[in-house]
Amino acid sequence: MDIVRSRIDSGGGSLRGRLCGAAMLCVAVLASPRAQDQPPFRSAVRLVVLQATVVNRHGALVTNLGREAFTVREDGKPQPIAMFTRDDVPVSMGILIDNSGSMRGKRQQVEAAALAFVRASNPQDEVFVMNFADEPHLDVPFTTSMERLEAGIGRADAIGGTALRDAVDAAADYLTAHPTRDRRALLIVTDGKDNASATPIDRVRRNIERSEAVCFAIGLLTDESARPAARSRDELEALSEMTGGHAFFPAHLDEINATILDIAHQLRSQYTIAYAPHNQALDGSYRQVRVIAHGPERLTVRTRAGYLASRDQAIDRPAPLRRR
């Protein structure tokens, strides 16, 4: 979740520029008409930016709502919406693909689906590719080149265990340090329970939160026994839901292409909602966020569960990420 400190600059037509403009408008609205009787007010307003997906009771996307349909609450209190858009804004995105030994028979279809995902996304998206087995490897740094993505996604050496938490932690770290787009997302494809990570799940969650990424996961768990599959499902669902994403569990490998294209469509159909929280303090507290959408039918909004109101959200740094 973006925590944006606005400033007066040229801004341009980017989402960040529009957010700065919205923040300055908030300052004007909050200022008293009798400015001479009031102490000087700050020239910057912190905005919280949410990416929201709305679905109806059948799970179908709802993409035609206006600003008036939404209510934002922070720690239970209504917040003023400063900016609202339905634009298909470019994304800085990471694709994480399980390359463990159990994926050997699935890689060809997974790779084809991953490439279809990139082709169905916004042409201005920048994408990095990380394959992981016993440890994560950044095979393609951020790029918009399909040739580089094809080379990085294609692997013929599926072998080893599944270090899923290590990979997500490393991807979130890279996504925090190197994005050039205003929105961020991660797509995770795995077929089994994490059995090789050293990273605690609490740290992964903090790092994902700091990265501001929406996480989508595809769990190909049909070959797992019941208990490990249930644990894997719970972990992928928790990670996705806390970021406003979604986890999918296809019953058959042949369904992965349709699933991944659905995710691409969801990414391009999100609402962007920015609000200026009444509580502007950066005191290190965790703020719970809830977005409600109103319409003629029951609607569900998927967005971030909250954010840490802190100037410095840094956590212990991982070891340098390996490049191949």
Protein backbone atom coordinates (compact mmCIF):
# COMPACT_ATOMS: atom_id res chain seq x y z
CA MET A 1 0.00 0.00 0.00
CA ASP A 2 1.51 3.30 -1.05
CA ILE A 3 2.07 5.90 1.65
CA VAL A 4 2.58 9.01 -0.49
CA ARG A 5 4.05 12.26 0.82
CA SER A 6 2.90 14.86 -1.69
CA ARG A 7 4.99 17.72 -3.00
CA ILE A 8 4.56 20.40 -5.64
CA ASP A 9 6.20 19.18 -8.84
CA SER A 10 5.41 18.72 -12.50
CA GLY A 11 3.73 15.37 -11.75
CA GLY A 12 2.73 14.82 -15.37
CA GLY A 13 0.01 12.39 -16.25
CA SER A 14 1.29 9.52 -14.14
CA LEU A 15 -0.71 8.04 -11.29
CA ARG A 16 1.89 9.39 -8.86
CA GLY A 17 1.52 12.86 -10.34
CA ARG A 18 -2.26 12.72 -10.02
CA LEU A 19 -1.88 11.59 -6.40
CA CYS A 20 0.29 14.60 -5.68
CA GLY A 21 -2.38 16.83 -7.18
CA ALA A 22 -5.06 15.13 -5.12
CA ALA A 23 -3.00 15.59 -1.97
CA MET A 24 -2.62 19.31 -2.58
CA LEU A 25 -6.37 19.53 -3.13
CA CYS A 26 -6.86 17.84 0.23
CA VAL A 27 -4.68 20.51 1.84
CA ALA A 28 -6.84 23.24 0.30
CA VAL A 29 -10.02 21.57 1.54
CA LEU A 30 -8.66 21.08 5.04
CA ALA A 31 -7.39 24.66 5.36
CA SER A 32 -9.57 27.11 7.24
CA PRO A 33 -11.12 30.03 5.32
CA ARG A 34 -9.82 32.29 8.11
CA ALA A 35 -6.19 31.38 7.51
CA GLN A 36 -4.96 34.54 9.30
CA ASP A 37 -6.46 33.22 12.57
CA GLN A 38 -4.89 29.78 12.29
CA PRO A 39 -1.34 28.49 12.68
CA PRO A 40 0.42 27.56 9.42
CA PHE A 41 -0.63 24.18 8.05
CA ARG A 42 1.71 21.61 6.53
CA SER A 43 2.13 21.65 2.76
CA ALA A 44 2.01 17.88 2.47
CA VAL A 45 -0.70 15.33 3.12
CA ARG A 46 -0.03 11.63 3.40
CA LEU A 47 -2.20 9.53 1.11
CA VAL A 48 -2.91 5.84 1.37
CA VAL A 49 -3.41 4.19 -2.02
CA LEU A 50 -5.45 1.01 -2.43
CA GLN A 51 -5.88 -1.30 -5.40
CA ALA A 52 -9.33 -2.85 -5.14
CA THR A 53 -11.02 -5.70 -6.98
CA VAL A 54 -14.81 -5.93 -6.75
CA VAL A 55 -16.79 -9.11 -7.40
CA ASN A 56 -20.46 -9.98 -7.10
CA ARG A 57 -21.93 -12.98 -5.29
CA HIS A 58 -21.17 -15.18 -8.31
CA GLY A 59 -17.50 -14.19 -8.27
CA ALA A 60 -17.80 -12.13 -11.47
CA LEU A 61 -15.82 -8.89 -11.73
CA VAL A 62 -17.76 -5.63 -11.29
CA THR A 63 -15.95 -2.86 -13.16
CA ASN A 64 -18.53 -0.10 -13.68
CA LEU A 65 -18.80 1.46 -10.22
CA GLY A 66 -18.25 5.15 -9.53
CA ARG A 67 -16.52 6.86 -6.62
CA GLU A 68 -19.83 7.31 -4.77
CA ALA A 69 -20.23 3.52 -4.52
CA PHE A 70 -17.22 3.17 -2.21
CA THR A 71 -16.69 3.72 1.50
CA VAL A 72 -13.23 3.49 3.05
CA ARG A 73 -12.70 2.83 6.76
CA GLU A 74 -9.42 2.94 8.64
CA ASP A 75 -9.54 1.34 12.08
CA GLY A 76 -13.32 1.45 11.73
CA LYS A 77 -13.54 5.19 10.99
CA PRO A 78 -14.78 6.55 7.62
CA GLN A 79 -12.08 8.27 5.56
CA PRO A 80 -12.36 10.89 2.78
CA ILE A 81 -11.59 9.56 -0.70
CA ALA A 82 -9.12 11.94 -2.38
CA MET A 83 -8.75 10.19 -5.71
CA PHE A 84 -10.55 7.46 -7.61
CA THR A 85 -9.84 5.90 -11.00
CA ARG A 86 -10.65 2.81 -13.05
CA ASP A 87 -7.69 3.29 -15.40
CA ASP A 88 -5.58 0.31 -16.50
CA VAL A 89 -2.38 1.60 -14.88
CA PRO A 90 0.94 -0.15 -15.72
CA VAL A 91 2.33 -2.52 -13.10
CA SER A 92 5.76 -3.49 -11.80
CA MET A 93 5.28 -7.23 -11.50
CA GLY A 94 7.18 -10.33 -10.49
CA ILE A 95 6.49 -13.87 -11.71
CA LEU A 96 7.67 -16.56 -9.29
CA ILE A 97 7.70 -20.11 -10.66
CA ASP A 98 8.37 -23.25 -8.66
CA ASN A 99 11.27 -25.11 -10.30
CA SER A 100 11.49 -27.99 -7.81
CA GLY A 101 11.79 -31.60 -8.95
CA SER A 102 8.05 -32.25 -8.63
CA MET A 103 7.40 -29.55 -11.25
CA ARG A 104 9.32 -31.35 -14.01
CA GLY A 105 6.22 -32.72 -15.71
CA LYS A 106 4.29 -29.47 -15.30
CA ARG A 107 6.84 -26.87 -16.39
CA GLN A 108 5.98 -26.81 -20.08
CA GLN A 109 2.33 -25.91 -19.49
CA VAL A 110 3.20 -23.54 -16.66
CA GLU A 111 5.74 -21.70 -18.82
CA ALA A 112 3.26 -21.38 -21.69
CA ALA A 113 0.63 -20.01 -19.29
CA ALA A 114 3.10 -17.53 -17.76
CA LEU A 115 3.95 -16.16 -21.19
CA ALA A 116 0.25 -15.90 -22.03
CA PHE A 117 -0.17 -13.95 -18.79
CA VAL A 118 2.49 -11.42 -19.83
CA ARG A 119 0.98 -11.05 -23.31
CA ALA A 120 -2.47 -10.41 -21.81
CA SER A 121 -1.17 -7.76 -19.42
CA ASN A 122 -0.69 -4.04 -20.03
CA PRO A 123 2.04 -3.60 -22.68
CA GLN A 124 3.71 -1.02 -20.43
CA ASP A 125 4.05 -3.43 -17.50
CA GLU A 126 7.59 -4.21 -16.40
CA VAL A 127 8.17 -7.81 -15.32
CA PHE A 128 10.87 -9.77 -13.53
CA VAL A 129 11.12 -13.55 -13.40
CA MET A 130 12.28 -15.57 -10.41
CA ASN A 131 12.53 -19.35 -10.53
CA PHE A 132 12.92 -21.15 -7.23
CA ALA A 133 13.71 -24.63 -5.97
CA ASP A 134 16.03 -25.01 -2.97
CA GLU A 135 16.71 -21.28 -3.31
CA PRO A 136 15.40 -18.42 -5.46
CA HIS A 137 17.18 -17.18 -8.57
CA LEU A 138 16.47 -13.90 -10.32
CA ASP A 139 16.60 -15.07 -13.93
CA VAL A 140 15.25 -11.89 -15.52
CA PRO A 141 15.48 -8.45 -13.86
CA PHE A 142 12.74 -5.95 -14.65
CA THR A 143 12.12 -5.79 -18.39
CA THR A 144 9.43 -5.18 -20.97
CA SER A 145 11.14 -7.46 -23.51
CA MET A 146 9.18 -10.60 -24.43
CA GLU A 147 12.37 -12.24 -25.72
CA ARG A 148 14.09 -11.87 -22.36
CA LEU A 149 11.01 -13.09 -20.53
CA GLU A 150 10.69 -16.16 -22.75
CA ALA A 151 14.33 -17.04 -22.09
CA GLY A 152 13.99 -16.53 -18.34
CA ILE A 153 10.72 -18.37 -17.88
CA GLY A 154 11.85 -21.43 -19.85
CA ARG A 155 13.80 -23.84 -17.62
CA ALA A 156 14.83 -27.42 -18.26
CA ASP A 157 16.49 -28.24 -14.93
CA ALA A 158 13.61 -28.71 -12.48
CA ILE A 159 15.27 -30.28 -9.46
CA GLY A 160 15.41 -29.92 -5.67
CA GLY A 161 13.05 -28.80 -2.93
CA THR A 162 10.55 -25.93 -2.60
CA ALA A 163 11.78 -22.75 -0.91
CA LEU A 164 8.57 -20.79 -1.39
CA ARG A 165 8.88 -18.40 1.57
CA ASP A 166 12.49 -17.59 0.67
CA ALA A 167 11.40 -16.81 -2.90
CA VAL A 168 8.48 -14.57 -1.88
CA ASP A 169 10.69 -12.73 0.60
CA ALA A 170 13.41 -12.15 -2.02
CA ALA A 171 10.85 -11.10 -4.64
CA ALA A 172 9.21 -8.62 -2.28
CA ASP A 173 12.62 -7.19 -1.46
CA TYR A 174 13.49 -6.76 -5.15
CA LEU A 175 10.07 -5.28 -5.87
CA THR A 176 10.55 -2.74 -3.09
CA ALA A 177 13.96 -1.64 -4.33
CA HIS A 178 13.59 -1.48 -8.12
CA PRO A 179 10.07 -0.62 -9.37
CA THR A 180 9.43 2.18 -11.86
CA ARG A 181 5.65 1.75 -12.04
CA ASP A 182 3.12 3.02 -9.52
CA ARG A 183 1.39 -0.33 -8.91
CA ARG A 184 3.05 -3.60 -7.89
CA ALA A 185 2.02 -7.24 -8.11
CA LEU A 186 3.38 -10.75 -7.65
CA LEU A 187 2.22 -13.93 -9.36
CA ILE A 188 3.25 -17.15 -7.61
CA VAL A 189 2.97 -20.60 -9.20
CA THR A 190 3.82 -23.64 -7.07
CA ASP A 191 2.83 -27.28 -6.75
CA GLY A 192 3.69 -28.14 -3.20
CA LYS A 193 4.39 -27.43 0.43
CA ASP A 194 7.40 -25.34 1.34
CA ASN A 195 10.10 -27.75 2.49
CA ALA A 196 13.35 -25.78 2.04
CA SER A 197 12.89 -22.20 3.31
CA ALA A 198 14.77 -20.57 6.15
CA THR A 199 12.63 -17.40 6.20
CA PRO A 200 9.92 -17.18 8.89
CA ILE A 201 6.42 -16.51 7.58
CA ASP A 202 6.02 -13.41 9.79
CA ARG A 203 8.97 -11.77 8.09
CA VAL A 204 7.60 -12.70 4.65
CA ARG A 205 4.33 -11.01 5.52
CA ARG A 206 6.06 -7.85 6.74
CA ASN A 207 8.21 -7.70 3.63
CA ILE A 208 5.24 -8.21 1.32
CA GLU A 209 3.36 -5.47 3.15
CA ARG A 210 6.32 -3.12 2.75
CA SER A 211 6.56 -3.90 -0.98
CA GLU A 212 2.95 -2.75 -1.52
CA ALA A 213 2.40 -5.72 -3.87
CA VAL A 214 -0.90 -7.43 -4.60
CA CYS A 215 -0.23 -11.18 -4.59
CA PHE A 216 -1.95 -13.74 -6.78
CA ALA A 217 -1.13 -17.41 -6.30
CA ILE A 218 -1.79 -20.58 -8.27
CA GLY A 219 -1.46 -23.78 -6.24
CA LEU A 220 -1.17 -26.96 -8.33
CA LEU A 221 -1.75 -29.17 -5.30
CA THR A 222 -3.53 -32.20 -6.73
CA ASP A 223 -0.43 -34.41 -6.39
CA GLU A 224 0.08 -33.53 -2.72
CA SER A 225 -1.32 -35.68 0.07
CA ALA A 226 -4.20 -34.17 2.03
CA ARG A 227 -2.39 -32.65 5.01
CA PRO A 228 0.52 -30.98 3.14
CA ALA A 229 -1.93 -29.76 0.49
CA ALA A 230 -4.13 -28.18 3.17
CA ARG A 231 -1.14 -26.41 4.74
CA SER A 232 0.01 -25.13 1.36
CA ARG A 233 -3.48 -23.92 0.54
CA ASP A 234 -3.80 -22.07 3.86
CA GLU A 235 -0.44 -20.33 3.39
CA LEU A 236 -1.14 -19.23 -0.19
CA GLU A 237 -4.63 -18.01 0.71
CA ALA A 238 -3.38 -16.03 3.72
CA LEU A 239 -0.61 -14.39 1.70
CA SER A 240 -2.96 -13.46 -1.14
CA GLU A 241 -5.86 -12.23 0.98
CA MET A 242 -3.74 -9.92 3.15
CA THR A 243 -2.60 -8.08 0.01
CA GLY A 244 -5.96 -7.87 -1.72
CA GLY A 245 -5.13 -10.62 -4.22
CA HIS A 246 -6.53 -14.10 -4.61
CA ALA A 247 -5.33 -17.71 -4.59
CA PHE A 248 -6.49 -20.24 -7.19
CA PHE A 249 -6.30 -24.03 -6.97
CA PRO A 250 -7.04 -25.62 -10.37
CA ALA A 251 -8.34 -29.18 -10.21
CA HIS A 252 -6.37 -30.06 -13.35
CA LEU A 253 -3.17 -28.74 -14.88
CA ASP A 254 -5.06 -28.06 -18.13
CA GLU A 255 -6.96 -25.31 -16.29
CA ILE A 256 -3.86 -23.21 -15.60
CA ASN A 257 -4.03 -21.20 -18.80
CA ALA A 258 -7.61 -20.06 -18.15
CA THR A 259 -6.73 -19.34 -14.51
CA ILE A 260 -3.71 -17.21 -15.33
CA LEU A 261 -5.63 -15.22 -17.95
CA ASP A 262 -8.33 -14.58 -15.35
CA ILE A 263 -5.64 -13.11 -13.07
CA ALA A 264 -4.37 -10.88 -15.88
CA HIS A 265 -7.93 -9.63 -16.43
CA GLN A 266 -8.37 -8.94 -12.72
CA LEU A 267 -5.15 -6.91 -12.60
CA ARG A 268 -6.34 -4.76 -15.49
CA SER A 269 -9.79 -4.28 -13.93
CA GLN A 270 -8.85 -2.95 -10.50
CA TYR A 271 -9.99 0.32 -9.01
CA THR A 272 -7.41 2.70 -7.56
CA ILE A 273 -8.65 4.51 -4.46
CA ALA A 274 -6.55 7.05 -2.55
CA TYR A 275 -7.57 8.58 0.74
CA ALA A 276 -6.04 11.06 3.17
CA PRO A 277 -6.33 9.40 6.60
CA HIS A 278 -7.64 11.56 9.41
CA ASN A 279 -4.81 10.15 11.52
CA GLN A 280 -1.73 11.52 9.75
CA ALA A 281 0.69 10.40 12.46
CA LEU A 282 3.56 8.14 11.41
CA ASP A 283 3.74 6.47 14.81
CA GLY A 284 4.58 2.92 13.75
CA SER A 285 1.09 1.61 14.45
CA TYR A 286 -0.72 -0.87 12.23
CA ARG A 287 -3.88 0.55 10.65
CA GLN A 288 -6.64 -1.81 9.56
CA VAL A 289 -8.31 -0.89 6.29
CA ARG A 290 -11.68 -1.94 4.94
CA VAL A 291 -13.31 -0.89 1.67
CA ILE A 292 -17.05 -1.37 1.13
CA ALA A 293 -18.73 -1.22 -2.27
CA HIS A 294 -22.45 -0.45 -2.51
CA GLY A 295 -24.63 -1.58 -5.39
CA PRO A 296 -27.91 -3.23 -6.35
CA GLU A 297 -26.46 -6.62 -5.36
CA ARG A 298 -24.11 -7.90 -2.69
CA LEU A 299 -20.53 -6.96 -3.56
CA THR A 300 -17.19 -8.11 -2.15
CA VAL A 301 -14.09 -5.92 -2.25
CA ARG A 302 -10.61 -7.43 -2.22
CA THR A 303 -7.91 -5.01 -1.12
CA ARG A 304 -5.13 -4.71 1.43
CA ALA A 305 -5.98 -5.59 5.01
CA GLY A 306 -3.99 -2.65 6.37
CA TYR A 307 -0.65 -0.89 6.49
CA LEU A 308 2.09 0.12 8.90
CA ALA A 309 2.14 3.89 9.50
CA SER A 310 5.87 4.29 9.79
CA ARG A 311 8.58 6.46 8.27
CA ASP A 312 10.94 3.52 8.19
CA GLN A 313 9.42 0.11 7.47
CA ALA A 314 12.81 -1.56 6.93
CA ILE A 315 13.32 -5.07 8.25
CA ASP A 316 16.38 -7.28 8.43
CA ARG A 317 17.83 -7.60 4.96
CA PRO A 318 18.20 -11.02 3.33
CA ALA A 319 21.38 -12.31 1.79
CA PRO A 320 22.07 -10.93 -1.72
CA LEU A 321 19.84 -12.50 -4.34
CA ARG A 322 21.65 -14.80 -6.75
CA ARG A 323 21.62 -14.13 -10.48
CA ARG A 324 22.25 -16.87 -13.02
